[in-house]
PDB file of N, CA and C in Angstrom:
ATOM      1  N   SER A   1     105.712 126.884  53.131  1.00  0.00           N
ATOM      2  CA  SER A   1     106.569 127.872  53.730  1.00  0.00           C
ATOM      3  C   SER A   1     107.509 127.205  54.732  1.00  0.00           C
ATOM      4  N   GLU A   2     108.400 127.971  55.259  1.00  0.00           N
ATOM      5  CA  GLU A   2     109.392 127.449  56.203  1.00  0.00           C
ATOM      6  C   GLU A   2     108.731 126.936  57.482  1.00  0.00           C
ATOM      7  N   LYS A   3     107.690 127.637  57.939  1.00  0.00           N
ATOM      8  CA  LYS A   3     107.000 127.219  59.158  1.00  0.00           C
ATOM      9  C   LYS A   3     106.376 125.831  58.975  1.00  0.00           C
ATOM     10  N   LEU A   4     105.725 125.619  57.853  1.00  0.00           N
ATOM     11  CA  LEU A   4     105.119 124.320  57.560  1.00  0.00           C
ATOM     12  C   LEU A   4     106.190 123.242  57.465  1.00  0.00           C
ATOM     13  N   PHE A   5     107.267 123.538  56.791  1.00  0.00           N
ATOM     14  CA  PHE A   5     108.363 122.590  56.656  1.00  0.00           C
ATOM     15  C   PHE A   5     108.904 122.186  58.024  1.00  0.00           C
ATOM     16  N   ASN A   6     109.060 123.136  58.924  1.00  0.00           N
ATOM     17  CA  ASN A   6     109.566 122.846  60.265  1.00  0.00           C
ATOM     18  C   ASN A   6     108.577 122.011  61.078  1.00  0.00           C
ATOM     19  N   LEU A   7     107.288 122.264  60.899  1.00  0.00           N
ATOM     20  CA  LEU A   7     106.270 121.497  61.622  1.00  0.00           C
ATOM     21  C   LEU A   7     106.262 120.026  61.208  1.00  0.00           C
ATOM     22  N   MET A   8     106.571 119.754  59.949  1.00  0.00           N
ATOM     23  CA  MET A   8     106.542 118.375  59.456  1.00  0.00           C
ATOM     24  C   MET A   8     107.501 117.470  60.214  1.00  0.00           C
ATOM     25  N   GLY A   9     108.531 118.017  60.780  1.00  0.00           N
ATOM     26  CA  GLY A   9     109.521 117.216  61.487  1.00  0.00           C
ATOM     27  C   GLY A   9     109.240 117.021  62.964  1.00  0.00           C
ATOM     28  N   THR A  10     108.144 117.585  63.458  1.00  0.00           N
ATOM     29  CA  THR A  10     107.861 117.468  64.888  1.00  0.00           C
ATOM     30  C   THR A  10     107.293 116.089  65.214  1.00  0.00           C
ATOM     31  N   GLN A  11     107.511 115.654  66.425  1.00  0.00           N
ATOM     32  CA  GLN A  11     107.014 114.342  66.852  1.00  0.00           C
ATOM     33  C   GLN A  11     105.492 114.294  66.823  1.00  0.00           C
ATOM     34  N   GLU A  12     104.844 115.399  67.162  1.00  0.00           N
ATOM     35  CA  GLU A  12     103.377 115.450  67.151  1.00  0.00           C
ATOM     36  C   GLU A  12     102.833 115.141  65.751  1.00  0.00           C
ATOM     37  N   ILE A  13     103.422 115.726  64.739  1.00  0.00           N
ATOM     38  CA  ILE A  13     102.973 115.504  63.362  1.00  0.00           C
ATOM     39  C   ILE A  13     103.297 114.078  62.921  1.00  0.00           C
ATOM     40  N   LYS A  14     104.466 113.583  63.276  1.00  0.00           N
ATOM     41  CA  LYS A  14     104.833 112.205  62.929  1.00  0.00           C
ATOM     42  C   LYS A  14     103.874 111.208  63.571  1.00  0.00           C
ATOM     43  N   ASP A  15     103.513 111.450  64.830  1.00  0.00           N
ATOM     44  CA  ASP A  15     102.570 110.569  65.529  1.00  0.00           C
ATOM     45  C   ASP A  15     101.192 110.604  64.871  1.00  0.00           C
ATOM     46  N   LYS A  16     100.750 111.789  64.468  1.00  0.00           N
ATOM     47  CA  LYS A  16      99.445 111.930  63.814  1.00  0.00           C
ATOM     48  C   LYS A  16      99.437 111.206  62.470  1.00  0.00           C
ATOM     49  N   LEU A  17     100.517 111.313  61.720  1.00  0.00           N
ATOM     50  CA  LEU A  17     100.625 110.619  60.441  1.00  0.00           C
ATOM     51  C   LEU A  17     100.550 109.106  60.637  1.00  0.00           C
ATOM     52  N   LEU A  18     101.258 108.603  61.624  1.00  0.00           N
ATOM     53  CA  LEU A  18     101.235 107.166  61.915  1.00  0.00           C
ATOM     54  C   LEU A  18      99.837 106.720  62.333  1.00  0.00           C
ATOM     55  N   SER A  19      99.188 107.506  63.167  1.00  0.00           N
ATOM     56  CA  SER A  19      97.834 107.192  63.615  1.00  0.00           C
ATOM     57  C   SER A  19      96.852 107.185  62.443  1.00  0.00           C
ATOM     58  N   ASN A  20      96.915 108.214  61.601  1.00  0.00           N
ATOM     59  CA  ASN A  20      96.019 108.292  60.447  1.00  0.00           C
ATOM     60  C   ASN A  20      96.276 107.161  59.456  1.00  0.00           C
ATOM     61  N   SER A  21      97.533 106.808  59.263  1.00  0.00           N
ATOM     62  CA  SER A  21      97.878 105.717  58.348  1.00  0.00           C
ATOM     63  C   SER A  21      97.345 104.388  58.863  1.00  0.00           C
ATOM     64  N   SER A  22      97.456 104.157  60.156  1.00  0.00           N
ATOM     65  CA  SER A  22      96.941 102.924  60.754  1.00  0.00           C
ATOM     66  C   SER A  22      95.422 102.852  60.626  1.00  0.00           C
ATOM     67  N   LEU A  23      94.752 103.952  60.898  1.00  0.00           N
ATOM     68  CA  LEU A  23      93.297 103.997  60.776  1.00  0.00           C
ATOM     69  C   LEU A  23      92.872 103.745  59.329  1.00  0.00           C
ATOM     70  N   ALA A  24      93.569 104.337  58.396  1.00  0.00           N
ATOM     71  CA  ALA A  24      93.249 104.135  56.979  1.00  0.00           C
ATOM     72  C   ALA A  24      93.401 102.661  56.600  1.00  0.00           C
ATOM     73  N   ALA A  25      94.465 102.029  57.043  1.00  0.00           N
ATOM     74  CA  ALA A  25      94.684 100.607  56.738  1.00  0.00           C
ATOM     75  C   ALA A  25      93.578  99.749  57.343  1.00  0.00           C
ATOM     76  N   GLU A  26      93.161 100.070  58.561  1.00  0.00           N
ATOM     77  CA  GLU A  26      92.077  99.327  59.212  1.00  0.00           C
ATOM     78  C   GLU A  26      90.768  99.446  58.439  1.00  0.00           C
ATOM     79  N   ARG A  27      90.561 100.592  57.791  1.00  0.00           N
ATOM     80  CA  ARG A  27      89.315 100.818  57.043  1.00  0.00           C
ATOM     81  C   ARG A  27      89.391 100.301  55.614  1.00  0.00           C
ATOM     82  N   GLY A  28      90.544  99.764  55.219  1.00  0.00           N
ATOM     83  CA  GLY A  28      90.664  99.168  53.896  1.00  0.00           C
ATOM     84  C   GLY A  28      91.182 100.087  52.810  1.00  0.00           C
ATOM     85  N   VAL A  29      91.720 101.227  53.198  1.00  0.00           N
ATOM     86  CA  VAL A  29      92.276 102.149  52.208  1.00  0.00           C
ATOM     87  C   VAL A  29      93.477 101.490  51.543  1.00  0.00           C
ATOM     88  N   PHE A  30      93.526 101.573  50.217  1.00  0.00           N
ATOM     89  CA  PHE A  30      94.621 100.940  49.484  1.00  0.00           C
ATOM     90  C   PHE A  30      95.334 101.906  48.554  1.00  0.00           C
ATOM     91  N   GLY A  31      94.944 103.147  48.551  1.00  0.00           N
ATOM     92  CA  GLY A  31      95.595 104.137  47.701  1.00  0.00           C
ATOM     93  C   GLY A  31      94.967 105.501  47.897  1.00  0.00           C
ATOM     94  N   ILE A  32      95.454 106.450  47.128  1.00  0.00           N
ATOM     95  CA  ILE A  32      94.916 107.798  47.225  1.00  0.00           C
ATOM     96  C   ILE A  32      94.496 108.274  45.848  1.00  0.00           C
ATOM     97  N   PRO A  33      93.508 109.103  45.737  1.00  0.00           N
ATOM     98  CA  PRO A  33      92.680 109.618  46.828  1.00  0.00           C
ATOM     99  C   PRO A  33      91.589 108.625  47.227  1.00  0.00           C
ATOM    100  N   THR A  34      91.337 108.525  48.501  1.00  0.00           N
ATOM    101  CA  THR A  34      90.253 107.711  49.043  1.00  0.00           C
ATOM    102  C   THR A  34      89.409 108.610  49.930  1.00  0.00           C
ATOM    103  N   PHE A  35      88.095 108.504  49.766  1.00  0.00           N
ATOM    104  CA  PHE A  35      87.159 109.322  50.536  1.00  0.00           C
ATOM    105  C   PHE A  35      86.154 108.414  51.211  1.00  0.00           C
ATOM    106  N   PHE A  36      85.748 108.776  52.409  1.00  0.00           N
ATOM    107  CA  PHE A  36      84.674 108.072  53.105  1.00  0.00           C
ATOM    108  C   PHE A  36      83.530 109.043  53.326  1.00  0.00           C
ATOM    109  N   ILE A  37      82.343 108.591  52.994  1.00  0.00           N
ATOM    110  CA  ILE A  37      81.132 109.310  53.350  1.00  0.00           C
ATOM    111  C   ILE A  37      80.324 108.319  54.161  1.00  0.00           C
ATOM    112  N   ASN A  38      80.154 108.657  55.429  1.00  0.00           N
ATOM    113  CA  ASN A  38      79.638 107.705  56.406  1.00  0.00           C
ATOM    114  C   ASN A  38      80.570 106.497  56.372  1.00  0.00           C
ATOM    115  N   ASP A  39      80.080 105.325  56.076  1.00  0.00           N
ATOM    116  CA  ASP A  39      80.960 104.155  56.033  1.00  0.00           C
ATOM    117  C   ASP A  39      81.245 103.688  54.615  1.00  0.00           C
ATOM    118  N   GLU A  40      80.827 104.459  53.612  1.00  0.00           N
ATOM    119  CA  GLU A  40      81.048 104.062  52.222  1.00  0.00           C
ATOM    120  C   GLU A  40      82.357 104.653  51.707  1.00  0.00           C
ATOM    121  N   MET A  41      83.188 103.782  51.124  1.00  0.00           N
ATOM    122  CA  MET A  41      84.491 104.209  50.633  1.00  0.00           C
ATOM    123  C   MET A  41      84.426 104.486  49.137  1.00  0.00           C
ATOM    124  N   TYR A  42      85.033 105.590  48.737  1.00  0.00           N
ATOM    125  CA  TYR A  42      85.175 105.958  47.337  1.00  0.00           C
ATOM    126  C   TYR A  42      86.662 106.095  47.054  1.00  0.00           C
ATOM    127  N   PHE A  43      87.089 105.607  45.890  1.00  0.00           N
ATOM    128  CA  PHE A  43      88.500 105.664  45.542  1.00  0.00           C
ATOM    129  C   PHE A  43      88.666 106.275  44.163  1.00  0.00           C
ATOM    130  N   GLY A  44      89.616 107.176  44.049  1.00  0.00           N
ATOM    131  CA  GLY A  44      89.981 107.749  42.757  1.00  0.00           C
ATOM    132  C   GLY A  44      89.308 109.072  42.483  1.00  0.00           C
ATOM    133  N   LYS A  45      89.992 109.883  41.703  1.00  0.00           N
ATOM    134  CA  LYS A  45      89.462 111.218  41.423  1.00  0.00           C
ATOM    135  C   LYS A  45      88.198 111.177  40.583  1.00  0.00           C
ATOM    136  N   ASN A  46      88.000 110.124  39.804  1.00  0.00           N
ATOM    137  CA  ASN A  46      86.793 110.024  38.993  1.00  0.00           C
ATOM    138  C   ASN A  46      85.546 109.865  39.844  1.00  0.00           C
ATOM    139  N   THR A  47      85.692 109.343  41.047  1.00  0.00           N
ATOM    140  CA  THR A  47      84.527 109.143  41.906  1.00  0.00           C
ATOM    141  C   THR A  47      84.068 110.430  42.576  1.00  0.00           C
ATOM    142  N   LEU A  48      84.866 111.477  42.524  1.00  0.00           N
ATOM    143  CA  LEU A  48      84.438 112.746  43.114  1.00  0.00           C
ATOM    144  C   LEU A  48      83.140 113.227  42.482  1.00  0.00           C
ATOM    145  N   LEU A  49      83.020 113.098  41.179  1.00  0.00           N
ATOM    146  CA  LEU A  49      81.800 113.507  40.494  1.00  0.00           C
ATOM    147  C   LEU A  49      80.618 112.669  40.973  1.00  0.00           C
ATOM    148  N   GLU A  50      80.819 111.372  41.163  1.00  0.00           N
ATOM    149  CA  GLU A  50      79.758 110.501  41.674  1.00  0.00           C
ATOM    150  C   GLU A  50      79.315 110.934  43.065  1.00  0.00           C
ATOM    151  N   ILE A  51      80.268 111.300  43.895  1.00  0.00           N
ATOM    152  CA  ILE A  51      79.951 111.730  45.257  1.00  0.00           C
ATOM    153  C   ILE A  51      79.058 112.963  45.218  1.00  0.00           C
ATOM    154  N   PHE A  52      79.403 113.926  44.380  1.00  0.00           N
ATOM    155  CA  PHE A  52      78.608 115.149  44.300  1.00  0.00           C
ATOM    156  C   PHE A  52      77.238 114.889  43.686  1.00  0.00           C
ATOM    157  N   LYS A  53      77.149 113.974  42.733  1.00  0.00           N
ATOM    158  CA  LYS A  53      75.858 113.645  42.123  1.00  0.00           C
ATOM    159  C   LYS A  53      74.928 112.991  43.132  1.00  0.00           C
ATOM    160  N   ASP A  54      75.485 112.141  44.000  1.00  0.00           N
ATOM    161  CA  ASP A  54      74.683 111.404  44.976  1.00  0.00           C
ATOM    162  C   ASP A  54      74.271 112.243  46.176  1.00  0.00           C
ATOM    163  N   SER A  55      74.913 113.378  46.379  1.00  0.00           N
ATOM    164  CA  SER A  55      74.609 114.164  47.585  1.00  0.00           C
ATOM    165  C   SER A  55      73.494 115.153  47.356  1.00  0.00           C
TER     166      SER A  55
END
């Protein structure tokens, strides 16, 4: 919606995106989708089924 579109341009959102991107790089994220459960990293939509099976 228009409200969401307007929020994307705010400095607060830009700062959060930069912070999250830096944190992801520090944790070894190399693409999307990437999921962390505790400290274990899962990558790719195919791993979603594995995550649910293991939980």
